[in-house]
């Protein structure tokens, strides 16, 4: 199997997992499923997989911000480092900015924002 075919296959698998999240009604379960897609195992670093993983990160940020999970969002920045190593700097900056913006939506998270900014 060629690398492009393997990437397309893995991207389809991740897309299906991402689509299945919308069927979950439990917030913790959907958050865990989104986290699994966003932090997909090595081998999910092709361009198609990265797009799906970026969508999962955005959805995860929105879910955690709605739940008021500021520390969980801050920990996500650390967890995403392997993804940041394989995507361009501009995409990394966009994702980091999205996480920080999500932290800003959590009431009482000002100190957390400053701490994450200074890392």
C-alpha atoms as a PDB file:
ATOM      1  CA  UNK A   1       0.000   0.000   0.000  1.00  0.00           C
ATOM      2  CA  UNK A   2       1.394   3.394  -0.950  1.00  0.00           C
ATOM      3  CA  UNK A   3       1.880   6.172   1.584  1.00  0.00           C
ATOM      4  CA  UNK A   4      -0.932   8.229   0.036  1.00  0.00           C
ATOM      5  CA  UNK A   5      -3.330   5.284   0.195  1.00  0.00           C
ATOM      6  CA  UNK A   6      -2.342   4.568   3.798  1.00  0.00           C
ATOM      7  CA  UNK A   7      -2.916   8.237   4.698  1.00  0.00           C
ATOM      8  CA  UNK A   8      -6.302   8.232   2.978  1.00  0.00           C
ATOM      9  CA  UNK A   9      -7.272   5.039   4.802  1.00  0.00           C
ATOM     10  CA  UNK A  10      -6.205   6.400   8.190  1.00  0.00           C
ATOM     11  CA  UNK A  11      -7.941   9.731   7.435  1.00  0.00           C
ATOM     12  CA  UNK A  12     -11.174   7.876   6.623  1.00  0.00           C
ATOM     13  CA  UNK A  13     -10.866   5.976   9.899  1.00  0.00           C
ATOM     14  CA  UNK A  14     -10.323   9.195  11.864  1.00  0.00           C
ATOM     15  CA  UNK A  15     -13.187  10.922  10.024  1.00  0.00           C
ATOM     16  CA  UNK A  16     -15.515   8.081  10.945  1.00  0.00           C
ATOM     17  CA  UNK A  17     -14.446   8.347  14.583  1.00  0.00           C
ATOM     18  CA  UNK A  18     -14.991  12.111  14.485  1.00  0.00           C
ATOM     19  CA  UNK A  19     -18.452  11.649  12.966  1.00  0.00           C
ATOM     20  CA  UNK A  20     -19.332   9.087  15.646  1.00  0.00           C
ATOM     21  CA  UNK A  21     -18.675  11.695  18.336  1.00  0.00           C
ATOM     22  CA  UNK A  22     -21.770  13.638  17.298  1.00  0.00           C
ATOM     23  CA  UNK A  23     -23.884  10.621  18.277  1.00  0.00           C
ATOM     24  CA  UNK A  24     -22.548  10.585  21.835  1.00  0.00           C
ATOM     25  CA  UNK A  25     -24.723  12.296  24.422  1.00  0.00           C
ATOM     26  CA  UNK A  26     -22.368  12.070  27.397  1.00  0.00           C
ATOM     27  CA  UNK A  27     -20.046  15.085  27.509  1.00  0.00           C
ATOM     28  CA  UNK A  28     -17.176  13.160  29.067  1.00  0.00           C
ATOM     29  CA  UNK A  29     -17.421  10.365  26.519  1.00  0.00           C
ATOM     30  CA  UNK A  30     -17.532  12.747  23.572  1.00  0.00           C
ATOM     31  CA  UNK A  31     -14.614  14.717  24.982  1.00  0.00           C
ATOM     32  CA  UNK A  32     -12.604  11.502  25.378  1.00  0.00           C
ATOM     33  CA  UNK A  33     -13.455  10.421  21.834  1.00  0.00           C
ATOM     34  CA  UNK A  34     -12.421  13.812  20.428  1.00  0.00           C
ATOM     35  CA  UNK A  35      -9.183  13.627  22.394  1.00  0.00           C
ATOM     36  CA  UNK A  36      -8.472  10.185  20.913  1.00  0.00           C
ATOM     37  CA  UNK A  37      -8.906  11.540  17.381  1.00  0.00           C
ATOM     38  CA  UNK A  38      -6.873  14.690  18.057  1.00  0.00           C
ATOM     39  CA  UNK A  39      -4.032  12.714  19.626  1.00  0.00           C
ATOM     40  CA  UNK A  40      -4.165   9.909  17.068  1.00  0.00           C
ATOM     41  CA  UNK A  41      -1.267   7.516  17.065  1.00  0.00           C
ATOM     42  CA  UNK A  42       1.817   7.960  14.926  1.00  0.00           C
ATOM     43  CA  UNK A  43       1.096   7.172  11.320  1.00  0.00           C
ATOM     44  CA  UNK A  44      -1.705   9.724  11.267  1.00  0.00           C
ATOM     45  CA  UNK A  45       0.603  12.517  10.175  1.00  0.00           C
ATOM     46  CA  UNK A  46      -0.321  12.771   6.494  1.00  0.00           C
ATOM     47  CA  UNK A  47      -2.095  15.852   5.160  1.00  0.00           C
ATOM     48  CA  UNK A  48      -5.563  14.281   5.188  1.00  0.00           C
ATOM     49  CA  UNK A  49      -5.135  12.976   8.730  1.00  0.00           C
ATOM     50  CA  UNK A  50      -3.832  16.313   9.963  1.00  0.00           C
ATOM     51  CA  UNK A  51      -6.977  18.063   8.673  1.00  0.00           C
ATOM     52  CA  UNK A  52      -9.200  15.641  10.574  1.00  0.00           C
ATOM     53  CA  UNK A  53      -7.048  15.971  13.702  1.00  0.00           C
ATOM     54  CA  UNK A  54      -7.243  19.788  13.488  1.00  0.00           C
ATOM     55  CA  UNK A  55     -11.043  19.584  13.315  1.00  0.00           C
ATOM     56  CA  UNK A  56     -11.025  17.310  16.367  1.00  0.00           C
ATOM     57  CA  UNK A  57      -8.830  19.780  18.274  1.00  0.00           C
ATOM     58  CA  UNK A  58     -11.231  22.620  17.470  1.00  0.00           C
ATOM     59  CA  UNK A  59     -14.250  20.570  18.552  1.00  0.00           C
ATOM     60  CA  UNK A  60     -12.448  19.450  21.707  1.00  0.00           C
ATOM     61  CA  UNK A  61     -11.594  23.045  22.597  1.00  0.00           C
ATOM     62  CA  UNK A  62     -15.219  24.072  22.162  1.00  0.00           C
ATOM     63  CA  UNK A  63     -16.455  21.155  24.284  1.00  0.00           C
ATOM     64  CA  UNK A  64     -13.981  21.774  27.095  1.00  0.00           C
ATOM     65  CA  UNK A  65     -14.641  25.522  27.074  1.00  0.00           C
ATOM     66  CA  UNK A  66     -18.384  24.866  27.319  1.00  0.00           C
ATOM     67  CA  UNK A  67     -17.713  22.534  30.246  1.00  0.00           C
ATOM     68  CA  UNK A  68     -15.510  25.150  31.940  1.00  0.00           C
ATOM     69  CA  UNK A  69     -12.451  22.880  31.887  1.00  0.00           C
ATOM     70  CA  UNK A  70      -9.643  25.464  31.772  1.00  0.00           C
ATOM     71  CA  UNK A  71      -6.948  23.157  33.181  1.00  0.00           C
ATOM     72  CA  UNK A  72      -7.942  20.481  30.670  1.00  0.00           C
ATOM     73  CA  UNK A  73      -7.497  22.968  27.853  1.00  0.00           C
ATOM     74  CA  UNK A  74      -4.109  24.019  29.199  1.00  0.00           C
ATOM     75  CA  UNK A  75      -3.022  20.383  29.387  1.00  0.00           C
ATOM     76  CA  UNK A  76      -4.124  19.938  25.802  1.00  0.00           C
ATOM     77  CA  UNK A  77      -1.305  22.242  24.680  1.00  0.00           C
ATOM     78  CA  UNK A  78       1.220  19.840  26.172  1.00  0.00           C
ATOM     79  CA  UNK A  79      -0.560  16.789  24.794  1.00  0.00           C
ATOM     80  CA  UNK A  80      -0.564  18.229  21.275  1.00  0.00           C
ATOM     81  CA  UNK A  81       3.221  18.643  21.063  1.00  0.00           C
ATOM     82  CA  UNK A  82       3.698  15.528  18.897  1.00  0.00           C
ATOM     83  CA  UNK A  83       1.183  16.970  16.411  1.00  0.00           C
ATOM     84  CA  UNK A  84       2.946  20.323  16.482  1.00  0.00           C
ATOM     85  CA  UNK A  85       6.174  18.576  15.458  1.00  0.00           C
ATOM     86  CA  UNK A  86       4.685  17.375  12.156  1.00  0.00           C
ATOM     87  CA  UNK A  87       2.626  20.351  11.019  1.00  0.00           C
ATOM     88  CA  UNK A  88       3.818  23.712   9.701  1.00  0.00           C
ATOM     89  CA  UNK A  89       4.462  26.537  12.145  1.00  0.00           C
ATOM     90  CA  UNK A  90       1.508  28.549  10.850  1.00  0.00           C
ATOM     91  CA  UNK A  91      -0.912  25.711  11.572  1.00  0.00           C
ATOM     92  CA  UNK A  92       0.692  25.196  14.974  1.00  0.00           C
ATOM     93  CA  UNK A  93       0.202  28.882  15.765  1.00  0.00           C
ATOM     94  CA  UNK A  94      -3.432  28.685  14.641  1.00  0.00           C
ATOM     95  CA  UNK A  95      -4.120  25.698  16.890  1.00  0.00           C
ATOM     96  CA  UNK A  96      -2.324  27.222  19.882  1.00  0.00           C
ATOM     97  CA  UNK A  97      -4.252  30.443  19.413  1.00  0.00           C
ATOM     98  CA  UNK A  98      -7.508  28.456  19.250  1.00  0.00           C
ATOM     99  CA  UNK A  99      -6.731  26.696  22.532  1.00  0.00           C
ATOM    100  CA  UNK A 100      -5.797  29.959  24.242  1.00  0.00           C
ATOM    101  CA  UNK A 101      -8.991  31.589  22.946  1.00  0.00           C
ATOM    102  CA  UNK A 102     -10.964  28.639  24.318  1.00  0.00           C
ATOM    103  CA  UNK A 103      -9.269  29.072  27.706  1.00  0.00           C
ATOM    104  CA  UNK A 104     -10.330  32.735  27.609  1.00  0.00           C
ATOM    105  CA  UNK A 105     -13.977  31.640  27.351  1.00  0.00           C
ATOM    106  CA  UNK A 106     -13.746  29.837  30.696  1.00  0.00           C
ATOM    107  CA  UNK A 107     -14.811  32.141  33.542  1.00  0.00           C
ATOM    108  CA  UNK A 108     -12.059  32.849  36.076  1.00  0.00           C
ATOM    109  CA  UNK A 109      -9.251  31.567  33.859  1.00  0.00           C
ATOM    110  CA  UNK A 110      -7.176  34.748  33.677  1.00  0.00           C
ATOM    111  CA  UNK A 111      -4.291  33.370  35.762  1.00  0.00           C
ATOM    112  CA  UNK A 112      -4.261  30.210  33.670  1.00  0.00           C
ATOM    113  CA  UNK A 113      -4.068  32.267  30.479  1.00  0.00           C
ATOM    114  CA  UNK A 114      -1.071  34.202  31.760  1.00  0.00           C
ATOM    115  CA  UNK A 115       0.686  31.010  32.867  1.00  0.00           C
ATOM    116  CA  UNK A 116       0.144  29.343  29.459  1.00  0.00           C
ATOM    117  CA  UNK A 117       1.204  32.455  27.588  1.00  0.00           C
ATOM    118  CA  UNK A 118       4.498  32.586  29.491  1.00  0.00           C
ATOM    119  CA  UNK A 119       5.443  28.936  28.854  1.00  0.00           C
END
